[in-house]
Amino acid sequence: MRTESSRARSTAETRERIVDVALEVLGENPDAGMGEIAVAAGVVRRTVYGHFPSRLDLVRTLTERAVTAMSLVLAEADASHPEADATWAAFVGSVWPVAYRYRVLLALRRGEFGGTIHELLGPIDELLADLIERGQDAGVFGRHVPADVLGQVAYGVVFAIADAVGSHEDLGVRAAIVTSLLTLGVPQARAIALTDGQP
């Protein structure tokens, strides 16, 4: 008989597999149902619903993980770069794999779960707004819209580019950094220099 710890480990592994597969399936088709996710994960629907009683529960988990990952990346970038525009470039450069992985949130945010996703993204929105405001005060970011709106627009650009990668082979992290910096009002020459300075 399996021990309690092995059962718990197996349950945790199944949950992780469902989450990973859900990101892939929803990334290809944001309207995919729980049944499609179950098939792709190699489990029955009951197993998926055992971990996530509703599609909203699954989307909430995906969003919470994205927020945690992005917050950690932003904190590290902020600690390493005193200039706001350099912090942003480092943030996008490091968050790119996360943005690509969670690109489905851009589509889901426009759908029926938009309110929930928006609320869960609140902490990262606030962190980005603080960074943008710091950049505006330093004169490196534009003031064409308020800091909170500008932050959402700029990282929305990153997710939009991540979502378009499949149909545009020339797109990638470089395009995401440059385009988001231009959106923030950084001059093109400075945006390119900051991008080229990324590892």
C-alpha atoms as a PDB file:
ATOM      1  CA  MET A   1       0.000   0.000   0.000  1.00  0.00           C
ATOM      2  CA  ARG A   2       1.126   3.496  -0.751  1.00  0.00           C
ATOM      3  CA  THR A   3       2.013   5.630   2.221  1.00  0.00           C
ATOM      4  CA  GLU A   4       0.231   8.868   3.006  1.00  0.00           C
ATOM      5  CA  SER A   5       3.262  10.869   1.864  1.00  0.00           C
ATOM      6  CA  SER A   6       3.472   9.074  -1.477  1.00  0.00           C
ATOM      7  CA  ARG A   7      -0.247   9.656  -2.072  1.00  0.00           C
ATOM      8  CA  ALA A   8       0.171  13.319  -1.229  1.00  0.00           C
ATOM      9  CA  ARG A   9       3.166  13.561  -3.559  1.00  0.00           C
ATOM     10  CA  SER A  10       1.233  11.875  -6.350  1.00  0.00           C
ATOM     11  CA  THR A  11      -1.705  14.228  -5.815  1.00  0.00           C
ATOM     12  CA  ALA A  12       0.586  17.256  -5.905  1.00  0.00           C
ATOM     13  CA  GLU A  13       2.286  16.013  -9.067  1.00  0.00           C
ATOM     14  CA  THR A  14      -1.069  15.478 -10.767  1.00  0.00           C
ATOM     15  CA  ARG A  15      -2.162  18.992  -9.820  1.00  0.00           C
ATOM     16  CA  GLU A  16       1.082  20.435 -11.214  1.00  0.00           C
ATOM     17  CA  ARG A  17       0.651  18.483 -14.444  1.00  0.00           C
ATOM     18  CA  ILE A  18      -2.895  19.786 -14.835  1.00  0.00           C
ATOM     19  CA  VAL A  19      -1.720  23.373 -14.309  1.00  0.00           C
ATOM     20  CA  ASP A  20       1.147  22.983 -16.784  1.00  0.00           C
ATOM     21  CA  VAL A  21      -1.082  21.386 -19.393  1.00  0.00           C
ATOM     22  CA  ALA A  22      -3.820  23.980 -18.835  1.00  0.00           C
ATOM     23  CA  LEU A  23      -1.353  26.745 -19.645  1.00  0.00           C
ATOM     24  CA  GLU A  24      -0.426  25.035 -22.909  1.00  0.00           C
ATOM     25  CA  VAL A  25      -3.987  24.171 -23.901  1.00  0.00           C
ATOM     26  CA  LEU A  26      -5.428  27.572 -22.998  1.00  0.00           C
ATOM     27  CA  GLY A  27      -2.455  29.269 -24.632  1.00  0.00           C
ATOM     28  CA  GLU A  28      -3.504  27.632 -27.894  1.00  0.00           C
ATOM     29  CA  ASN A  29      -7.227  28.047 -27.300  1.00  0.00           C
ATOM     30  CA  PRO A  30      -8.416  30.345 -24.471  1.00  0.00           C
ATOM     31  CA  ASP A  31     -11.930  28.911 -24.839  1.00  0.00           C
ATOM     32  CA  ALA A  32     -10.821  25.315 -24.195  1.00  0.00           C
ATOM     33  CA  GLY A  33     -12.951  23.494 -21.646  1.00  0.00           C
ATOM     34  CA  MET A  34     -12.016  21.397 -18.652  1.00  0.00           C
ATOM     35  CA  GLY A  35     -12.616  18.219 -20.669  1.00  0.00           C
ATOM     36  CA  GLU A  36      -9.997  19.210 -23.228  1.00  0.00           C
ATOM     37  CA  ILE A  37      -7.531  19.978 -20.445  1.00  0.00           C
ATOM     38  CA  ALA A  38      -8.255  16.607 -18.848  1.00  0.00           C
ATOM     39  CA  VAL A  39      -7.594  14.742 -22.114  1.00  0.00           C
ATOM     40  CA  ALA A  40      -4.358  16.633 -22.711  1.00  0.00           C
ATOM     41  CA  ALA A  41      -3.225  15.934 -19.132  1.00  0.00           C
ATOM     42  CA  GLY A  42      -4.033  12.235 -19.456  1.00  0.00           C
ATOM     43  CA  VAL A  43      -6.594  12.223 -16.659  1.00  0.00           C
ATOM     44  CA  VAL A  44     -10.368  11.990 -16.435  1.00  0.00           C
ATOM     45  CA  ARG A  45     -12.525  15.094 -16.007  1.00  0.00           C
ATOM     46  CA  ARG A  46     -13.314  14.070 -12.431  1.00  0.00           C
ATOM     47  CA  THR A  47      -9.626  14.352 -11.563  1.00  0.00           C
ATOM     48  CA  VAL A  48      -9.420  17.875 -12.957  1.00  0.00           C
ATOM     49  CA  TYR A  49     -12.553  18.905 -11.085  1.00  0.00           C
ATOM     50  CA  GLY A  50     -11.169  17.276  -7.946  1.00  0.00           C
ATOM     51  CA  HIS A  51      -8.329  19.775  -7.981  1.00  0.00           C
ATOM     52  CA  PHE A  52     -10.229  22.690  -9.536  1.00  0.00           C
ATOM     53  CA  PRO A  53     -13.991  22.609  -8.885  1.00  0.00           C
ATOM     54  CA  SER A  54     -14.599  25.148 -11.650  1.00  0.00           C
ATOM     55  CA  ARG A  55     -12.822  26.739 -14.582  1.00  0.00           C
ATOM     56  CA  LEU A  56     -12.645  29.915 -12.536  1.00  0.00           C
ATOM     57  CA  ASP A  57     -10.683  28.088  -9.815  1.00  0.00           C
ATOM     58  CA  LEU A  58      -8.171  26.966 -12.427  1.00  0.00           C
ATOM     59  CA  VAL A  59      -7.872  30.460 -13.929  1.00  0.00           C
ATOM     60  CA  ARG A  60      -7.450  31.918 -10.432  1.00  0.00           C
ATOM     61  CA  THR A  61      -4.573  29.506  -9.744  1.00  0.00           C
ATOM     62  CA  LEU A  62      -2.879  30.373 -13.044  1.00  0.00           C
ATOM     63  CA  THR A  63      -3.194  34.093 -12.313  1.00  0.00           C
ATOM     64  CA  GLU A  64      -1.895  33.795  -8.751  1.00  0.00           C
ATOM     65  CA  ARG A  65       1.170  31.938 -10.007  1.00  0.00           C
ATOM     66  CA  ALA A  66       1.793  34.566 -12.673  1.00  0.00           C
ATOM     67  CA  VAL A  67       1.585  37.358 -10.091  1.00  0.00           C
ATOM     68  CA  THR A  68       4.014  35.588  -7.750  1.00  0.00           C
ATOM     69  CA  ALA A  69       6.516  34.957 -10.530  1.00  0.00           C
ATOM     70  CA  MET A  70       6.316  38.496 -11.929  1.00  0.00           C
ATOM     71  CA  SER A  71       6.580  40.095  -8.488  1.00  0.00           C
ATOM     72  CA  LEU A  72       9.772  38.190  -7.715  1.00  0.00           C
ATOM     73  CA  VAL A  73      11.319  39.155 -11.050  1.00  0.00           C
ATOM     74  CA  LEU A  74      10.377  42.812 -10.610  1.00  0.00           C
ATOM     75  CA  ALA A  75      11.800  42.933  -7.076  1.00  0.00           C
ATOM     76  CA  GLU A  76      15.102  41.510  -8.309  1.00  0.00           C
ATOM     77  CA  ALA A  77      15.289  43.931 -11.254  1.00  0.00           C
ATOM     78  CA  ASP A  78      14.416  46.876  -9.016  1.00  0.00           C
ATOM     79  CA  ALA A  79      17.170  45.969  -6.553  1.00  0.00           C
ATOM     80  CA  SER A  80      19.774  45.738  -9.323  1.00  0.00           C
ATOM     81  CA  HIS A  81      19.105  48.949 -11.278  1.00  0.00           C
ATOM     82  CA  PRO A  82      18.741  52.456  -9.844  1.00  0.00           C
ATOM     83  CA  GLU A  83      17.275  53.950 -13.064  1.00  0.00           C
ATOM     84  CA  ALA A  84      13.601  53.234 -13.685  1.00  0.00           C
ATOM     85  CA  ASP A  85      14.028  52.624 -17.412  1.00  0.00           C
ATOM     86  CA  ALA A  86      16.898  50.186 -16.816  1.00  0.00           C
ATOM     87  CA  THR A  87      14.789  48.440 -14.169  1.00  0.00           C
ATOM     88  CA  TRP A  88      11.959  48.077 -16.666  1.00  0.00           C
ATOM     89  CA  ALA A  89      14.274  46.667 -19.348  1.00  0.00           C
ATOM     90  CA  ALA A  90      15.719  44.144 -16.885  1.00  0.00           C
ATOM     91  CA  PHE A  91      12.232  43.250 -15.658  1.00  0.00           C
ATOM     92  CA  VAL A  92      10.930  42.512 -19.157  1.00  0.00           C
ATOM     93  CA  GLY A  93      14.104  40.649 -20.092  1.00  0.00           C
ATOM     94  CA  SER A  94      13.777  38.383 -17.068  1.00  0.00           C
ATOM     95  CA  VAL A  95       9.990  38.062 -17.080  1.00  0.00           C
ATOM     96  CA  TRP A  96       9.787  37.119 -20.765  1.00  0.00           C
ATOM     97  CA  PRO A  97       9.581  33.332 -20.205  1.00  0.00           C
ATOM     98  CA  VAL A  98       6.839  33.971 -17.648  1.00  0.00           C
ATOM     99  CA  ALA A  99       5.007  36.343 -19.991  1.00  0.00           C
ATOM    100  CA  TYR A 100       5.112  33.773 -22.773  1.00  0.00           C
ATOM    101  CA  ARG A 101       3.990  31.012 -20.422  1.00  0.00           C
ATOM    102  CA  TYR A 102       1.088  33.046 -19.016  1.00  0.00           C
ATOM    103  CA  ARG A 103       0.178  34.871 -22.235  1.00  0.00           C
ATOM    104  CA  VAL A 104      -3.295  33.340 -22.096  1.00  0.00           C
ATOM    105  CA  LEU A 105      -4.156  35.720 -19.243  1.00  0.00           C
ATOM    106  CA  LEU A 106      -4.304  38.559 -21.785  1.00  0.00           C
ATOM    107  CA  ALA A 107      -7.156  36.829 -23.593  1.00  0.00           C
ATOM    108  CA  LEU A 108      -8.846  35.617 -20.417  1.00  0.00           C
ATOM    109  CA  ARG A 109      -8.711  39.103 -18.916  1.00  0.00           C
ATOM    110  CA  ARG A 110     -10.990  40.273 -21.729  1.00  0.00           C
ATOM    111  CA  GLY A 111     -13.493  37.483 -21.105  1.00  0.00           C
ATOM    112  CA  GLU A 112     -15.879  36.341 -18.405  1.00  0.00           C
ATOM    113  CA  PHE A 113     -13.131  36.087 -15.773  1.00  0.00           C
ATOM    114  CA  GLY A 114     -11.827  39.585 -16.441  1.00  0.00           C
ATOM    115  CA  GLY A 115     -12.928  40.990 -13.093  1.00  0.00           C
ATOM    116  CA  THR A 116     -11.297  38.195 -11.103  1.00  0.00           C
ATOM    117  CA  ILE A 117      -8.059  38.368 -13.091  1.00  0.00           C
ATOM    118  CA  HIS A 118      -7.946  42.144 -12.791  1.00  0.00           C
ATOM    119  CA  GLU A 119      -8.359  41.905  -9.019  1.00  0.00           C
ATOM    120  CA  LEU A 120      -5.678  39.225  -8.661  1.00  0.00           C
ATOM    121  CA  LEU A 121      -3.262  41.237 -10.801  1.00  0.00           C
ATOM    122  CA  GLY A 122      -3.722  44.184  -8.437  1.00  0.00           C
ATOM    123  CA  PRO A 123      -0.439  43.678  -6.535  1.00  0.00           C
ATOM    124  CA  ILE A 124       1.697  43.579  -9.687  1.00  0.00           C
ATOM    125  CA  ASP A 125      -0.249  46.544 -11.110  1.00  0.00           C
ATOM    126  CA  GLU A 126       0.627  48.531  -7.973  1.00  0.00           C
ATOM    127  CA  LEU A 127       4.316  47.587  -8.128  1.00  0.00           C
ATOM    128  CA  LEU A 128       4.511  48.587 -11.770  1.00  0.00           C
ATOM    129  CA  ALA A 129       2.652  51.844 -11.111  1.00  0.00           C
ATOM    130  CA  ASP A 130       5.213  52.718  -8.424  1.00  0.00           C
ATOM    131  CA  LEU A 131       8.053  52.021 -10.856  1.00  0.00           C
ATOM    132  CA  ILE A 132       6.413  54.070 -13.613  1.00  0.00           C
ATOM    133  CA  GLU A 133       5.768  56.967 -11.240  1.00  0.00           C
ATOM    134  CA  ARG A 134       9.415  56.887 -10.193  1.00  0.00           C
ATOM    135  CA  GLY A 135      10.412  57.000 -13.844  1.00  0.00           C
ATOM    136  CA  GLN A 136       8.028  59.864 -14.533  1.00  0.00           C
ATOM    137  CA  ASP A 137       9.440  61.839 -11.602  1.00  0.00           C
ATOM    138  CA  ALA A 138      12.944  61.229 -12.959  1.00  0.00           C
ATOM    139  CA  GLY A 139      11.882  62.356 -16.431  1.00  0.00           C
ATOM    140  CA  VAL A 140      12.646  59.043 -18.164  1.00  0.00           C
ATOM    141  CA  PHE A 141       9.009  57.971 -18.687  1.00  0.00           C
ATOM    142  CA  GLY A 142       6.273  60.021 -20.294  1.00  0.00           C
ATOM    143  CA  ARG A 143       3.352  61.586 -18.489  1.00  0.00           C
ATOM    144  CA  HIS A 144       0.873  61.152 -21.349  1.00  0.00           C
ATOM    145  CA  VAL A 145      -1.291  58.956 -19.099  1.00  0.00           C
ATOM    146  CA  PRO A 146      -1.299  58.313 -15.336  1.00  0.00           C
ATOM    147  CA  ALA A 147       1.338  55.934 -13.972  1.00  0.00           C
ATOM    148  CA  ASP A 148      -1.083  53.127 -13.134  1.00  0.00           C
ATOM    149  CA  VAL A 149      -2.597  53.130 -16.613  1.00  0.00           C
ATOM    150  CA  LEU A 150       0.778  53.441 -18.309  1.00  0.00           C
ATOM    151  CA  GLY A 151       2.117  50.456 -16.368  1.00  0.00           C
ATOM    152  CA  GLN A 152      -0.813  48.272 -17.404  1.00  0.00           C
ATOM    153  CA  VAL A 153      -0.499  49.350 -21.039  1.00  0.00           C
ATOM    154  CA  ALA A 154       3.255  48.754 -21.132  1.00  0.00           C
ATOM    155  CA  TYR A 155       3.196  45.255 -19.696  1.00  0.00           C
ATOM    156  CA  GLY A 156       0.079  44.533 -21.737  1.00  0.00           C
ATOM    157  CA  VAL A 157       2.332  45.159 -24.743  1.00  0.00           C
ATOM    158  CA  VAL A 158       4.746  42.518 -23.446  1.00  0.00           C
ATOM    159  CA  PHE A 159       1.956  39.942 -23.130  1.00  0.00           C
ATOM    160  CA  ALA A 160       0.553  40.894 -26.542  1.00  0.00           C
ATOM    161  CA  ILE A 161       3.944  40.312 -28.174  1.00  0.00           C
ATOM    162  CA  ALA A 162       4.314  37.010 -26.307  1.00  0.00           C
ATOM    163  CA  ASP A 163       0.926  35.968 -27.648  1.00  0.00           C
ATOM    164  CA  ALA A 164       1.928  36.885 -31.219  1.00  0.00           C
ATOM    165  CA  VAL A 165       5.221  34.965 -31.220  1.00  0.00           C
ATOM    166  CA  GLY A 166       3.674  31.905 -32.848  1.00  0.00           C
ATOM    167  CA  SER A 167       2.617  33.828 -35.949  1.00  0.00           C
ATOM    168  CA  HIS A 168       5.649  36.160 -36.163  1.00  0.00           C
ATOM    169  CA  GLU A 169       9.000  34.389 -35.983  1.00  0.00           C
ATOM    170  CA  ASP A 170      10.927  37.665 -35.720  1.00  0.00           C
ATOM    171  CA  LEU A 171       9.236  38.600 -32.450  1.00  0.00           C
ATOM    172  CA  GLY A 172      10.796  37.826 -29.093  1.00  0.00           C
ATOM    173  CA  VAL A 173      12.159  39.361 -25.925  1.00  0.00           C
ATOM    174  CA  ARG A 174      14.038  42.107 -27.800  1.00  0.00           C
ATOM    175  CA  ALA A 175      10.825  43.310 -29.446  1.00  0.00           C
ATOM    176  CA  ALA A 176       9.042  43.161 -26.092  1.00  0.00           C
ATOM    177  CA  ILE A 177      11.659  45.292 -24.320  1.00  0.00           C
ATOM    178  CA  VAL A 178      12.014  47.915 -27.055  1.00  0.00           C
ATOM    179  CA  THR A 179       8.287  48.238 -27.738  1.00  0.00           C
ATOM    180  CA  SER A 180       7.317  48.473 -24.078  1.00  0.00           C
ATOM    181  CA  LEU A 181      10.016  51.102 -23.440  1.00  0.00           C
ATOM    182  CA  LEU A 182       8.768  53.128 -26.415  1.00  0.00           C
ATOM    183  CA  THR A 183       5.247  52.833 -24.984  1.00  0.00           C
ATOM    184  CA  LEU A 184       6.573  54.275 -21.723  1.00  0.00           C
ATOM    185  CA  GLY A 185       7.937  57.285 -23.619  1.00  0.00           C
ATOM    186  CA  VAL A 186      11.617  56.301 -23.639  1.00  0.00           C
ATOM    187  CA  PRO A 187      13.452  57.677 -26.729  1.00  0.00           C
ATOM    188  CA  GLN A 188      14.200  55.023 -29.323  1.00  0.00           C
ATOM    189  CA  ALA A 189      17.988  55.308 -29.057  1.00  0.00           C
ATOM    190  CA  ARG A 190      17.848  54.856 -25.279  1.00  0.00           C
ATOM    191  CA  ALA A 191      15.365  51.982 -25.596  1.00  0.00           C
ATOM    192  CA  ILE A 192      17.649  50.136 -28.011  1.00  0.00           C
ATOM    193  CA  ALA A 193      20.714  50.785 -25.840  1.00  0.00           C
ATOM    194  CA  LEU A 194      18.928  49.428 -22.765  1.00  0.00           C
ATOM    195  CA  THR A 195      17.758  46.395 -24.707  1.00  0.00           C
ATOM    196  CA  ASP A 196      21.216  45.650 -26.080  1.00  0.00           C
ATOM    197  CA  GLY A 197      22.566  45.884 -22.552  1.00  0.00           C
ATOM    198  CA  GLN A 198      20.465  42.940 -21.401  1.00  0.00           C
ATOM    199  CA  PRO A 199      22.222  39.578 -20.982  1.00  0.00           C
END
